[in-house]
N, C-alpha and C. Protein backbone atom coordinates (compact mmCIF):
# COMPACT_ATOMS: atom_id res chain seq x y z
N UNK A 1 1.09 -1.39 0.66
CA UNK A 1 0.35 -0.38 -0.05
C UNK A 1 0.60 1.55 -0.09
N UNK A 2 0.65 2.15 -0.91
CA UNK A 2 1.16 3.36 -1.49
C UNK A 2 0.61 4.70 -0.29
N UNK A 3 1.02 5.03 0.50
CA UNK A 3 1.55 6.50 1.35
C UNK A 3 0.47 7.70 0.69
N UNK A 4 1.06 7.66 -0.49
CA UNK A 4 0.68 8.56 -1.07
C UNK A 4 -0.48 8.40 -2.24
N UNK A 5 -0.91 7.40 -2.43
CA UNK A 5 -1.93 7.05 -3.23
C UNK A 5 -3.42 7.99 -3.58
N UNK A 6 -3.63 9.05 -3.82
CA UNK A 6 -5.11 9.73 -4.22
C UNK A 6 -6.18 8.86 -4.58
N UNK A 7 -6.02 7.13 -4.56
CA UNK A 7 -7.44 6.79 -4.77
C UNK A 7 -7.65 5.93 -3.45
N UNK A 8 -6.61 6.22 -2.23
CA UNK A 8 -6.69 5.96 -1.18
C UNK A 8 -7.91 7.47 0.02
N UNK A 9 -9.39 6.83 0.74
CA UNK A 9 -9.31 8.09 0.51
C UNK A 9 -9.07 8.80 1.71
N UNK A 10 -8.94 8.61 3.03
CA UNK A 10 -8.46 8.82 3.58
C UNK A 10 -7.13 9.88 3.44
N UNK A 11 -5.67 9.32 2.25
CA UNK A 11 -4.63 10.06 1.52
C UNK A 11 -5.67 11.45 0.62
N UNK A 12 -6.66 11.10 0.32
CA UNK A 12 -7.02 12.25 -0.45
C UNK A 12 -7.97 12.86 0.70
N UNK A 13 -8.52 12.84 1.88
CA UNK A 13 -8.83 13.74 2.36
C UNK A 13 -7.57 14.32 3.10
N UNK A 14 -6.39 13.85 3.38
CA UNK A 14 -5.26 14.68 4.10
C UNK A 14 -4.78 15.90 3.66
N UNK A 15 -4.80 15.20 1.73
CA UNK A 15 -4.59 16.18 1.51
C UNK A 15 -5.40 17.28 0.85
N UNK A 16 -6.57 17.26 0.44
CA UNK A 16 -7.73 18.21 0.65
C UNK A 16 -7.60 19.12 2.04
N UNK A 17 -7.64 18.50 3.14
CA UNK A 17 -7.42 19.15 4.43
C UNK A 17 -5.93 20.09 4.63
N UNK A 18 -5.23 19.83 4.23
CA UNK A 18 -4.22 20.24 3.78
C UNK A 18 -3.94 21.68 2.66
N UNK A 19 -4.57 21.85 1.82
CA UNK A 19 -4.54 22.62 1.21
C UNK A 19 -5.55 23.46 1.41
N UNK A 20 -6.38 23.07 2.07
CA UNK A 20 -7.79 23.88 2.37
C UNK A 20 -7.09 24.99 3.62
N UNK A 21 -6.24 24.19 4.52
CA UNK A 21 -5.60 25.03 5.32
C UNK A 21 -4.42 25.97 5.48
N UNK A 22 -3.96 25.54 4.16
CA UNK A 22 -2.60 26.31 3.19
C UNK A 22 -3.48 27.99 2.66
N UNK A 23 -4.66 27.37 1.80
CA UNK A 23 -5.33 28.48 1.35
C UNK A 23 -5.80 29.86 2.68
N UNK A 24 -6.63 28.97 3.49
CA UNK A 24 -7.13 29.71 4.74
C UNK A 24 -5.71 31.03 5.15
N UNK A 25 -4.73 29.95 5.18
CA UNK A 25 -3.47 30.59 6.12
C UNK A 25 -3.19 31.83 5.18
N UNK A 26 -3.22 31.85 3.86
CA UNK A 26 -2.87 32.72 3.18
C UNK A 26 -3.33 33.96 3.04
N UNK A 27 -4.92 33.59 3.25
CA UNK A 27 -5.97 34.47 3.05
C UNK A 27 -5.51 35.33 4.03
N UNK A 28 -5.20 34.67 5.08
CA UNK A 28 -4.93 35.65 6.98
C UNK A 28 -4.24 36.41 6.71
N UNK A 29 -2.31 35.85 6.26
CA UNK A 29 -1.56 36.50 5.87
C UNK A 29 -1.97 37.58 4.90
N UNK A 30 -2.44 37.76 3.99
CA UNK A 30 -2.85 38.87 2.85
C UNK A 30 -3.24 39.74 4.03
N UNK A 31 -4.85 39.56 4.35
CA UNK A 31 -5.08 40.54 5.17
C UNK A 31 -4.86 41.12 6.28
N UNK A 32 -3.24 40.51 6.85
CA UNK A 32 -2.68 41.20 7.89
C UNK A 32 -1.80 42.53 7.54
N UNK A 33 -1.46 41.79 6.21
CA UNK A 33 -0.32 42.61 5.29
C UNK A 33 -0.82 43.62 5.03
N UNK A 34 -1.89 43.99 4.19
CA UNK A 34 -3.09 44.81 3.54
C UNK A 34 -3.44 45.72 5.11
N UNK A 35 -3.87 45.58 5.93
CA UNK A 35 -3.85 46.31 6.90
C UNK A 35 -2.38 47.15 7.49
N UNK A 36 -1.39 46.59 7.62
CA UNK A 36 -0.36 46.60 7.85
C UNK A 36 0.03 47.92 6.86
N UNK A 37 -0.33 47.22 5.91
CA UNK A 37 0.38 48.65 4.86
C UNK A 37 -0.79 50.09 4.65
N UNK A 38 -2.38 49.81 5.20
CA UNK A 38 -2.89 50.86 5.51
C UNK A 38 -2.49 51.60 6.21
N UNK A 39 -1.49 50.98 7.47
CA UNK A 39 -1.29 51.60 8.50
C UNK A 39 -0.45 52.67 8.33
N UNK A 40 0.04 51.65 7.89
CA UNK A 40 1.81 52.76 7.34
C UNK A 40 1.63 54.07 6.37
N UNK A 41 0.61 53.40 5.25
CA UNK A 41 0.72 55.03 4.46
C UNK A 41 -0.14 56.16 5.53
N UNK A 42 -1.52 55.23 6.52
CA UNK A 42 -1.70 56.54 6.95
C UNK A 42 -1.11 57.25 7.98
N UNK A 43 -0.21 56.68 8.16
CA UNK A 43 1.11 56.93 9.00
C UNK A 43 2.32 58.07 8.44
N UNK A 44 1.92 57.80 7.33
CA UNK A 44 2.47 58.61 7.05
C UNK A 44 2.01 60.12 6.01
N UNK A 45 0.76 60.07 6.01
CA UNK A 45 -0.14 61.39 5.94
C UNK A 45 -0.19 61.87 6.72
N UNK A 46 -0.61 60.92 7.96
CA UNK A 46 -0.65 61.50 9.45
C UNK A 46 0.67 62.91 9.61
N UNK A 47 1.42 62.27 9.78
CA UNK A 47 2.87 62.93 9.40
C UNK A 47 3.18 64.13 8.69
N UNK A 48 2.39 63.93 7.52
CA UNK A 48 2.40 65.11 6.58
C UNK A 48 1.88 66.12 7.11
N UNK A 49 0.04 65.77 7.37
CA UNK A 49 -0.51 66.56 7.74
C UNK A 49 0.23 67.59 9.28
N UNK A 50 0.69 67.04 9.50
CA UNK A 50 0.76 67.51 11.07
C UNK A 50 1.81 68.49 10.82
N UNK A 51 2.90 67.66 9.88
CA UNK A 51 4.07 68.69 9.54
C UNK A 51 3.68 70.16 9.29
N UNK A 52 2.40 70.24 8.59
CA UNK A 52 2.41 71.76 7.62
C UNK A 52 2.29 72.44 8.78
N UNK A 53 1.76 71.96 9.83
CA UNK A 53 0.98 72.50 11.33
C UNK A 53 0.10 74.05 11.16
N UNK A 54 -1.67 73.67 10.19
CA UNK A 54 -1.83 74.53 9.39
C UNK A 54 -2.63 75.45 10.50
N UNK A 55 -2.50 76.54 10.45
CA UNK A 55 -3.63 77.09 11.58
C UNK A 55 -4.75 78.32 10.75
N UNK A 56 -5.38 77.74 10.10
CA UNK A 56 -5.83 78.77 9.12
C UNK A 56 -6.73 77.91 7.83
N UNK A 57 -7.94 77.40 7.93
CA UNK A 57 -8.20 76.54 7.13
C UNK A 57 -9.54 76.64 6.99
N UNK A 58 -10.12 75.83 5.98
CA UNK A 58 -11.76 75.67 5.38
C UNK A 58 -11.79 74.24 4.51
N UNK A 59 -12.98 73.84 4.71
CA UNK A 59 -13.21 72.87 4.21
C UNK A 59 -14.92 72.67 4.25
N UNK A 60 -15.67 71.44 3.89
CA UNK A 60 -17.06 71.55 3.50
C UNK A 60 -16.31 69.64 4.05
N UNK A 61 -17.82 69.48 4.75
CA UNK A 61 -17.56 68.36 5.29
C UNK A 61 -19.19 67.36 5.14
N UNK A 62 -19.05 66.53 4.32
CA UNK A 62 -19.67 65.74 4.68
C UNK A 62 -20.15 64.38 5.14
N UNK A 63 -20.54 63.82 6.29
CA UNK A 63 -20.96 62.57 7.25
C UNK A 63 -22.37 62.15 7.45
N UNK A 64 -21.84 60.84 7.35
CA UNK A 64 -23.03 60.08 7.09
C UNK A 64 -22.75 58.73 7.79
N UNK A 65 -24.07 58.79 8.91
CA UNK A 65 -24.23 56.98 9.21
C UNK A 65 -25.51 56.88 9.32
N UNK A 66 -25.75 56.45 8.26
CA UNK A 66 -27.40 56.27 8.47
C UNK A 66 -28.46 57.57 7.79
N UNK A 67 -27.89 58.83 8.82
CA UNK A 67 -28.03 60.16 8.27
C UNK A 67 -27.32 60.75 7.89
N UNK A 68 -27.49 62.06 7.47
CA UNK A 68 -26.00 62.43 6.57
C UNK A 68 -26.35 64.29 7.39
N UNK A 69 -25.69 64.96 6.93
CA UNK A 69 -25.21 66.00 7.11
C UNK A 69 -23.67 66.16 6.52
N UNK A 70 -24.31 67.95 5.96
CA UNK A 70 -23.30 68.74 5.97
C UNK A 70 -23.10 70.33 6.30
N UNK A 71 -21.54 70.26 5.99
CA UNK A 71 -21.19 71.58 6.96
C UNK A 71 -20.13 71.81 6.77
N UNK A 72 -19.84 73.49 6.48
CA UNK A 72 -18.85 74.14 6.79
C UNK A 72 -17.70 74.50 7.61
N UNK A 73 -16.95 74.12 8.09
CA UNK A 73 -15.81 74.13 8.93
C UNK A 73 -14.81 75.59 8.54
N UNK A 74 -14.62 76.12 9.16
CA UNK A 74 -13.99 77.19 9.46
C UNK A 74 -12.46 76.89 11.03
N UNK A 75 -11.24 77.12 10.57
CA UNK A 75 -10.18 76.92 10.72
C UNK A 75 -9.93 78.32 11.77
N UNK A 76 -9.33 78.86 12.16
CA UNK A 76 -8.70 79.99 12.69
C UNK A 76 -8.14 80.11 14.02
N UNK A 77 -6.17 80.32 13.68
CA UNK A 77 -5.96 80.09 14.71
C UNK A 77 -5.58 78.53 15.08
N UNK A 78 -6.24 78.36 14.88
CA UNK A 78 -6.40 76.60 15.44
C UNK A 78 -7.83 76.30 15.96
N UNK A 79 -8.68 77.62 16.16
CA UNK A 79 -9.94 77.22 16.52
C UNK A 79 -11.03 76.69 15.29
N UNK A 80 -12.00 75.95 15.77
CA UNK A 80 -13.08 75.42 14.89
C UNK A 80 -13.97 76.36 14.97
N UNK A 81 -15.09 76.93 13.83
CA UNK A 81 -16.07 77.24 14.21
C UNK A 81 -16.90 75.97 12.69
N UNK A 82 -18.18 75.87 13.42
CA UNK A 82 -18.57 74.80 12.51
C UNK A 82 -19.84 75.50 11.63
N UNK A 83 -20.65 75.78 10.55
CA UNK A 83 -22.07 76.31 10.32
C UNK A 83 -22.63 75.25 9.31
N UNK A 84 -23.71 74.59 9.14
CA UNK A 84 -24.16 73.51 9.00
C UNK A 84 -25.36 74.73 7.78
N UNK A 85 -24.86 73.67 6.89
CA UNK A 85 -25.65 73.72 5.59
C UNK A 85 -27.60 73.94 5.40
N UNK A 86 -27.90 73.19 6.38
CA UNK A 86 -29.48 72.96 6.80
C UNK A 86 -30.16 72.98 8.41
N UNK A 87 -30.97 72.72 8.73
CA UNK A 87 -30.98 72.46 10.14
C UNK A 87 -30.87 71.01 9.85
N UNK A 88 -29.59 70.79 11.09
CA UNK A 88 -29.71 69.12 11.18
C UNK A 88 -29.91 69.09 12.63
N UNK A 89 -29.98 67.69 13.31
CA UNK A 89 -29.86 67.57 14.88
C UNK A 89 -28.66 66.82 15.12
N UNK A 90 -27.44 66.87 14.40
CA UNK A 90 -26.74 65.89 14.47
C UNK A 90 -26.03 65.86 13.94
N UNK A 91 -24.36 65.66 14.44
CA UNK A 91 -23.38 65.69 13.36
C UNK A 91 -22.62 67.29 13.13
N UNK A 92 -21.68 67.47 11.96
CA UNK A 92 -21.50 68.80 11.72
C UNK A 92 -20.63 69.45 12.86
N UNK A 93 -19.87 68.52 13.00
CA UNK A 93 -18.41 69.12 14.54
C UNK A 93 -17.17 68.29 14.03
N UNK A 94 -17.08 67.23 12.35
CA UNK A 94 -15.85 66.87 12.13
C UNK A 94 -15.03 67.42 12.11
N UNK A 95 -13.47 67.45 12.64
CA UNK A 95 -12.19 68.18 12.30
C UNK A 95 -11.53 66.76 11.86
N UNK A 96 -10.27 67.54 11.40
CA UNK A 96 -9.84 66.94 10.27
C UNK A 96 -8.82 65.93 11.51
N UNK A 97 -8.85 66.42 12.38
CA UNK A 97 -7.86 65.55 13.90
C UNK A 97 -9.11 64.16 14.08
N UNK A 98 -10.35 64.46 14.41
CA UNK A 98 -11.37 63.49 14.07
C UNK A 98 -10.88 62.75 12.94
N UNK A 99 -11.48 62.91 11.63
CA UNK A 99 -11.11 61.61 10.76
C UNK A 99 -9.93 61.18 10.71
N UNK A 100 -8.77 61.69 11.19
CA UNK A 100 -7.70 60.61 11.62
C UNK A 100 -7.65 59.68 12.13
N UNK A 101 -8.78 60.37 13.23
CA UNK A 101 -8.79 58.89 14.16
C UNK A 101 -9.94 57.94 14.28
N UNK A 102 -11.17 58.50 13.31
CA UNK A 102 -12.13 57.36 12.78
C UNK A 102 -11.03 56.50 11.64
N UNK A 103 -10.18 57.26 10.71
CA UNK A 103 -9.55 56.43 9.68
C UNK A 103 -8.46 55.42 10.87
N UNK A 104 -7.51 55.60 11.73
CA UNK A 104 -7.09 54.44 12.46
C UNK A 104 -7.56 53.96 13.13
N UNK A 105 -9.29 54.11 13.73
CA UNK A 105 -9.97 53.29 14.16
C UNK A 105 -10.76 52.45 13.12
N UNK A 106 -10.98 52.59 12.18
CA UNK A 106 -11.65 51.81 10.85
C UNK A 106 -10.67 50.84 10.36
N UNK A 107 -8.85 51.25 10.77
CA UNK A 107 -8.16 50.45 10.05
C UNK A 107 -7.92 49.33 10.78
N UNK A 108 -8.29 49.46 11.89
CA UNK A 108 -8.03 48.43 12.80
C UNK A 108 -9.28 47.48 13.47
N UNK A 109 -10.15 47.88 13.09
CA UNK A 109 -11.34 47.33 13.62
C UNK A 109 -12.28 47.03 12.14
N UNK A 110 -12.19 47.43 11.10
CA UNK A 110 -13.57 47.68 10.21
C UNK A 110 -13.28 46.54 9.51
N UNK A 111 -14.59 45.58 9.14
CA UNK A 111 -14.87 44.83 7.93
C UNK A 111 -13.93 45.38 6.63
N UNK A 112 -14.30 46.77 6.41
CA UNK A 112 -14.18 46.90 5.43
C UNK A 112 -13.89 48.39 4.74
N UNK A 113 -13.42 48.79 4.86
CA UNK A 113 -12.90 50.03 4.40
C UNK A 113 -11.91 50.57 3.02
N UNK A 114 -12.69 51.91 2.50
CA UNK A 114 -11.76 52.48 1.47
C UNK A 114 -11.55 54.08 1.97
N UNK A 115 -10.31 53.92 1.40
CA UNK A 115 -9.65 55.58 1.82
C UNK A 115 -9.38 56.54 0.47
N UNK A 116 -9.14 57.89 0.85
CA UNK A 116 -8.63 57.95 -0.23
C UNK A 116 -7.97 59.26 0.61
N UNK A 117 -6.66 59.86 0.03
CA UNK A 117 -6.16 61.10 0.99
C UNK A 117 -6.03 62.53 -0.05
N UNK A 118 -5.95 63.51 0.72
CA UNK A 118 -5.77 64.83 -0.14
C UNK A 118 -4.34 64.45 -0.47
N UNK A 119 -4.18 64.69 -2.19
CA UNK A 119 -2.54 64.87 -2.48
C UNK A 119 -1.38 65.65 -1.76
N UNK A 120 -2.03 66.72 -1.78
CA UNK A 120 -1.65 67.92 -1.38
C UNK A 120 -1.30 68.26 0.45
N UNK A 121 -2.06 67.85 1.19
CA UNK A 121 -2.31 68.39 2.34
C UNK A 121 -2.02 66.88 3.58
N UNK A 122 -2.39 65.82 2.76
CA UNK A 122 -2.56 64.70 3.41
C UNK A 122 -3.56 64.03 4.61
N UNK A 123 -5.01 64.77 4.74
CA UNK A 123 -5.99 64.51 5.40
C UNK A 123 -6.63 63.56 4.54
N UNK A 124 -7.26 62.78 5.05
CA UNK A 124 -8.26 62.25 4.40
C UNK A 124 -9.06 62.69 3.87
N UNK A 125 -8.88 62.21 3.08
CA UNK A 125 -10.09 62.81 2.09
C UNK A 125 -11.66 62.39 1.97
N UNK A 126 -11.70 60.95 1.73
CA UNK A 126 -13.06 60.24 1.82
C UNK A 126 -13.11 58.88 2.44
N UNK A 127 -13.44 59.01 3.23
CA UNK A 127 -13.78 57.43 3.83
C UNK A 127 -14.79 56.96 3.85
N UNK A 128 -14.77 55.31 3.63
CA UNK A 128 -16.33 54.68 3.43
C UNK A 128 -16.05 52.93 4.42
N UNK A 129 -16.94 53.56 5.51
CA UNK A 129 -16.06 51.87 6.16
C UNK A 129 -17.79 51.34 6.50
N UNK A 130 -17.59 50.15 6.46
CA UNK A 130 -18.53 48.78 7.31
C UNK A 130 -17.78 48.58 8.41
N UNK A 131 -18.25 48.61 9.46
CA UNK A 131 -17.72 47.88 10.50
C UNK A 131 -17.80 46.97 10.32
N UNK A 132 -18.93 46.35 10.32
CA UNK A 132 -19.31 45.07 10.78
C UNK A 132 -19.73 44.07 9.21
N UNK A 133 -19.75 42.85 9.37
CA UNK A 133 -20.22 42.43 7.93
C UNK A 133 -21.42 41.32 8.55
N UNK A 134 -21.41 41.71 9.47
CA UNK A 134 -22.83 41.17 10.26
C UNK A 134 -23.76 41.65 10.25
N UNK A 135 -23.49 42.87 10.22
CA UNK A 135 -24.72 44.04 11.10
C UNK A 135 -25.09 44.94 9.84
N UNK A 136 -26.18 45.60 10.06
CA UNK A 136 -26.97 45.92 8.29
C UNK A 136 -27.19 47.80 8.95
N UNK A 137 -26.57 48.34 8.13
CA UNK A 137 -26.71 49.90 8.73
C UNK A 137 -25.91 50.68 9.48
N UNK A 138 -24.22 49.87 8.97
CA UNK A 138 -23.49 50.08 10.54
C UNK A 138 -21.92 51.34 9.46
N UNK A 139 -22.79 51.50 8.00
CA UNK A 139 -21.74 52.24 7.33
C UNK A 139 -21.56 53.54 7.93
N UNK A 140 -20.45 53.75 7.85
CA UNK A 140 -20.29 55.36 7.83
C UNK A 140 -19.68 55.65 6.77
N UNK A 141 -19.95 57.07 6.49
CA UNK A 141 -19.02 58.04 5.74
C UNK A 141 -18.68 59.40 5.75
N UNK A 142 -17.28 59.91 5.28
CA UNK A 142 -17.11 60.96 5.43
C UNK A 142 -16.29 61.76 4.48
N UNK A 143 -16.51 62.72 3.64
CA UNK A 143 -15.83 62.99 2.35
C UNK A 143 -15.84 64.55 3.25
N UNK A 144 -14.58 65.01 2.76
CA UNK A 144 -14.03 66.91 2.84
C UNK A 144 -13.70 67.49 1.44
N UNK A 145 -14.62 68.79 1.37
CA UNK A 145 -14.34 69.42 -0.14
C UNK A 145 -13.85 70.59 -0.28
N UNK A 146 -13.84 70.96 -1.11
CA UNK A 146 -13.39 72.35 -0.73
C UNK A 146 -12.72 72.94 0.37
N UNK A 147 -11.53 72.41 0.51
CA UNK A 147 -10.29 72.88 1.41
C UNK A 147 -9.59 73.96 0.90
N UNK A 148 -9.20 74.75 2.05
CA UNK A 148 -8.52 75.65 1.36
C UNK A 148 -7.89 76.49 2.57
N UNK A 149 -6.95 76.66 2.13
CA UNK A 149 -6.04 77.28 3.03
C UNK A 149 -6.07 78.77 3.48
N UNK A 150 -6.18 79.20 4.05
CA UNK A 150 -6.94 80.78 3.87
C UNK A 150 -5.32 81.77 5.35
N UNK A 151 -4.94 82.85 5.02
CA UNK A 151 -4.16 83.70 4.96
C UNK A 151 -5.15 84.79 6.18
N UNK A 152 -4.22 84.81 6.98
CA UNK A 152 -4.27 85.98 7.79
C UNK A 152 -3.73 87.30 8.05
């Protein structure tokens, strides 16, 4: 009896089981390396944003988790001022620092994450997060537009 004869059902099960373990292990390694790549990229963009030390700028932030809001934000001498475009009962206080916090948490915890950073300033320009694959309506999104540096 040959131990590597695939006609033997026990050998076939061992080979098939080994292949399944190998595939799942490879997928796990890929997932860890993808998160590591995202986190390295995140750290580079955050360091770039912090190195600019901007104190005067303005932007529009759209944020949504089941409901959405659109807010104009102005930063003068490091102090944030927010003005909502419509009468809203939630949201409207997202700072760039908050977007970095959400991005970091999403990289570590989210089921699915789509990110785009601003190429000039390095802040998260668009974030789409699905926190859990098993929960409906837990998706959140943030989008920064009309960013401009102000001179005082």
